[in-house]
Protein backbone atom coordinates (compact mmCIF):
# COMPACT_ATOMS: atom_id res chain seq x y z
CA MET A 1 211.22 159.07 -96.22
CA ILE A 2 213.93 156.48 -95.68
CA ARG A 3 216.28 159.01 -94.01
CA THR A 4 213.31 159.88 -91.68
CA ARG A 5 212.69 156.09 -90.67
CA ALA A 6 216.36 155.48 -90.28
CA PHE A 7 216.72 158.61 -88.05
CA SER A 8 213.75 157.42 -86.01
CA PHE A 9 215.31 153.85 -85.65
CA TYR A 10 218.65 155.30 -84.47
CA PHE A 11 217.25 157.71 -82.23
CA SER A 12 214.94 155.21 -80.51
CA ALA A 13 217.95 152.86 -80.18
CA VAL A 14 219.99 155.67 -78.52
CA LEU A 15 217.31 156.31 -76.02
CA LEU A 16 216.97 152.46 -75.30
CA LEU A 17 220.48 152.27 -74.59
CA CYS A 18 220.60 155.50 -72.25
CA SER A 19 217.91 154.05 -70.38
CA ALA A 20 219.61 150.72 -69.72
CA VAL A 21 222.73 152.46 -68.75
CA THR A 22 220.84 154.87 -66.33
CA ALA A 23 218.85 151.86 -64.78
CA THR A 24 222.13 149.90 -64.06
CA ALA A 25 223.86 152.92 -62.55
CA GLN A 26 220.92 153.30 -60.24
CA GLN A 27 221.06 149.78 -58.79
CA ALA A 28 222.41 149.36 -55.38
CA PRO A 29 225.71 147.44 -55.25
CA ALA A 30 225.37 143.77 -54.40
CA ALA A 31 225.49 143.19 -50.68
CA ARG A 32 228.55 141.63 -49.22
CA PRO A 33 228.03 138.29 -47.44
CA ALA A 34 227.83 138.58 -43.68
CA PRO A 35 230.76 137.30 -41.75
CA PRO A 36 230.12 134.12 -39.67
CA PRO A 37 228.95 134.81 -36.03
CA PRO A 38 231.66 134.47 -33.36
CA TYR A 39 231.90 131.07 -31.78
CA VAL A 40 229.69 130.91 -28.64
CA PRO A 41 230.28 127.80 -26.52
CA GLY A 42 227.36 125.95 -25.01
CA THR A 43 226.60 123.37 -22.52
CA PRO A 44 228.17 120.00 -23.65
CA THR A 45 227.16 116.57 -22.94
CA TYR A 46 230.49 114.82 -22.72
CA GLU A 47 233.95 116.04 -22.09
CA MET A 48 237.27 114.00 -22.38
CA THR A 49 240.56 115.35 -20.85
CA GLY A 50 244.27 114.23 -20.96
CA GLY A 51 247.44 115.74 -19.93
CA TYR A 52 250.42 115.98 -17.64
CA GLN A 53 250.25 115.74 -13.68
CA LEU A 54 252.95 116.56 -11.02
CA LEU A 55 252.29 114.82 -7.65
CA HIS A 56 253.88 115.90 -4.30
CA LEU A 57 253.72 113.63 -1.03
CA ARG A 58 255.90 113.70 2.05
CA ASP A 59 259.37 115.11 0.94
CA THR A 60 259.09 113.61 -2.43
CA THR A 61 257.88 114.96 -5.84
CA PHE A 62 256.95 112.87 -8.53
CA PRO A 63 258.03 115.03 -11.63
CA PHE A 64 256.31 113.18 -14.35
CA GLY A 65 252.84 111.61 -14.69
CA LEU A 66 249.98 111.30 -17.03
CA ASN A 67 246.08 111.57 -16.23
CA VAL A 68 242.94 111.01 -18.39
CA ASP A 69 239.37 111.56 -17.46
CA GLY A 70 235.99 111.31 -19.04
CA ALA A 71 232.71 113.22 -17.98
CA ARG A 72 229.16 113.00 -18.72
CA HIS A 73 227.21 116.25 -18.05
CA PHE A 74 223.61 116.74 -16.95
CA GLY A 75 223.49 120.57 -17.05
CA SER A 76 226.02 122.17 -14.75
CA PHE A 77 226.58 118.94 -12.80
CA GLY A 78 228.17 115.69 -14.20
CA LEU A 79 229.76 112.38 -13.47
CA VAL A 80 233.60 112.13 -14.07
CA ALA A 81 235.96 109.07 -13.90
CA GLU A 82 239.74 109.31 -14.10
CA ILE A 83 242.94 107.24 -14.26
CA GLY A 84 246.45 108.35 -13.93
CA PHE A 85 250.00 107.61 -12.70
CA ALA A 86 253.06 109.45 -11.71
CA ILE A 87 256.71 108.23 -11.38
CA ASP A 88 260.01 109.07 -9.58
CA SER A 89 263.44 107.54 -9.48
CA GLU A 90 266.50 108.11 -7.54
CA ASP A 91 270.00 106.64 -8.15
CA GLU A 92 272.73 107.14 -5.57
CA ALA A 93 276.00 105.01 -5.45
CA ASP A 94 274.73 101.29 -5.17
CA VAL A 95 271.21 102.36 -4.33
CA GLU A 96 268.46 102.70 -6.82
CA LEU A 97 265.03 103.58 -5.98
CA SER A 98 262.03 104.08 -8.31
CA SER A 99 258.45 104.67 -7.18
CA SER A 100 255.16 105.08 -9.01
CA ALA A 101 251.64 106.27 -7.77
CA TRP A 102 248.63 105.37 -9.55
CA ASN A 103 245.24 107.09 -9.05
CA PHE A 104 241.61 105.52 -9.85
CA GLY A 105 238.78 107.72 -9.02
CA VAL A 106 234.95 108.48 -9.85
CA GLY A 107 232.83 111.18 -8.61
CA GLY A 108 231.00 114.43 -9.48
CA ARG A 109 231.96 117.59 -11.19
CA TRP A 110 230.36 121.07 -11.26
CA THR A 111 231.14 123.44 -14.20
CA GLY A 112 230.26 127.13 -14.50
CA PHE A 113 229.19 126.82 -18.21
CA ASN A 114 228.77 130.35 -19.76
CA SER A 115 228.84 132.04 -23.23
CA GLY A 116 232.50 133.20 -22.40
CA PRO A 117 235.81 131.34 -22.92
CA VAL A 118 236.42 130.54 -19.21
CA TRP A 119 234.65 127.82 -17.49
CA PRO A 120 235.61 127.33 -13.70
CA PHE A 121 234.96 123.83 -12.31
CA ALA A 122 235.15 121.87 -9.06
CA GLN A 123 234.92 118.30 -8.48
CA VAL A 124 235.13 115.53 -5.76
CA LEU A 125 236.29 112.02 -6.52
CA MET A 126 236.87 109.01 -4.53
CA GLY A 127 238.55 105.69 -5.42
CA LEU A 128 241.83 103.94 -4.90
CA GLY A 129 245.56 105.09 -4.56
CA VAL A 130 248.23 102.70 -5.36
CA LEU A 131 252.00 103.32 -4.40
CA HIS A 132 254.57 100.89 -5.77
CA THR A 133 258.26 101.06 -4.80
CA ASN A 134 261.27 99.05 -6.08
CA LEU A 135 264.41 99.23 -4.22
CA GLU A 136 267.78 97.85 -5.38
CA VAL A 137 270.84 97.88 -3.22
CA ALA A 138 274.11 96.12 -4.28
CA GLY A 139 272.25 93.79 -6.58
CA LEU A 140 269.56 92.81 -4.13
CA GLU A 141 266.07 93.91 -5.01
CA ALA A 142 262.96 94.57 -3.01
CA ASN A 143 259.49 95.42 -4.00
CA GLU A 144 256.44 96.84 -2.09
CA THR A 145 252.88 97.85 -3.19
CA GLU A 146 250.35 99.53 -1.03
CA THR A 147 246.70 100.24 -1.96
CA SER A 148 244.49 102.70 -0.21
CA PHE A 149 241.11 104.43 -0.32
CA MET A 150 241.45 107.90 -1.81
CA LEU A 151 239.28 110.98 -1.53
CA GLN A 152 240.18 113.79 -3.96
CA PRO A 153 238.78 117.34 -3.98
CA GLY A 154 239.84 119.76 -6.66
CA VAL A 155 239.20 122.82 -8.52
CA GLY A 156 240.31 124.17 -12.06
CA VAL A 157 239.61 126.27 -15.06
CA ASN A 158 238.81 125.12 -18.70
CA PHE A 159 239.95 127.94 -21.23
CA VAL A 160 237.80 127.25 -24.38
CA VAL A 161 240.13 128.17 -27.18
CA ALA A 162 238.21 126.69 -30.15
CA ASP A 163 234.94 124.98 -31.12
CA GLY A 164 235.12 121.70 -29.15
CA PHE A 165 238.54 122.30 -27.54
CA GLY A 166 239.90 123.68 -24.28
CA LEU A 167 243.01 124.07 -22.14
CA VAL A 168 242.66 122.84 -18.62
CA PHE A 169 244.59 124.03 -15.40
CA GLN A 170 243.72 122.15 -12.25
CA VAL A 171 244.82 121.67 -8.57
CA ASP A 172 243.82 118.78 -6.24
CA TYR A 173 244.31 117.85 -2.62
CA ARG A 174 244.43 113.99 -2.39
CA ARG A 175 243.73 112.21 0.92
CA THR A 176 244.72 108.59 1.07
CA PHE A 177 244.85 106.20 4.01
CA PHE A 178 247.94 104.05 3.83
CA GLU A 179 248.56 102.25 7.15
CA GLU A 180 251.89 100.56 6.79
CA LEU A 181 254.09 103.47 5.44
CA GLU A 182 256.70 104.88 7.77
CA ASP A 183 255.50 108.42 7.70
CA VAL A 184 251.84 107.82 7.55
CA GLU A 185 250.39 111.22 8.05
CA ASP A 186 252.70 112.97 5.37
CA SER A 187 252.12 110.15 2.94
CA ASN A 188 248.52 110.42 3.11
CA ASN A 189 248.37 114.10 2.28
CA GLN A 190 249.19 114.55 -1.31
CA PHE A 191 248.90 117.51 -3.83
CA ARG A 192 248.44 117.33 -7.60
CA VAL A 193 248.93 119.95 -10.37
CA PHE A 194 247.43 118.99 -13.75
CA ILE A 195 247.71 120.59 -17.03
CA GLY A 196 246.10 119.27 -20.19
CA ALA A 197 243.79 119.65 -22.99
CA ARG A 198 240.02 118.93 -23.02
CA MET A 199 237.78 117.74 -25.79
CA ILE A 200 234.25 119.24 -25.55
CA LEU A 201 231.66 117.01 -27.18
CA ASP A 202 227.91 117.91 -27.86
């Protein structure tokens, strides 16, 4: 009797263990967590841009300059304001000439926002252009500053490389209206190339 009960107990335990192993083997493997969705840029509310600008006027190129702007978007269209400068210097014998050009502008910007990483844009700004020159000859120094109304249309592309960040390439034609410069027409036709980084803010 005792042997029969012991056999029944062990037989039941073996059956229970086999059932548990079989049920565990039949369970589906745990699902792997889904990868995060790819970044899809949307329409931002604000943008801030800063970077390098090169300015050309007359037969002179200002090789170094900086420019910053800020924009507030209302859909594809927005308002933008910018400030920047460019400098140039020449030193020959006893003659030293240094020049700086400042730009202050406000206006509108259209941007082709889309789900891809390339956002083209076009803008038209108006404001002030300021040219300052400093001439030193044999120890004698002379300064001159001219201020003019400025109209500046331009186009560019914003390459969105990360969430909230883009790289900008832009070209502009700047029309100024200086009246007292020697070569008025050529001085009033200016061209700018801008390369910078843009913060994209919701």
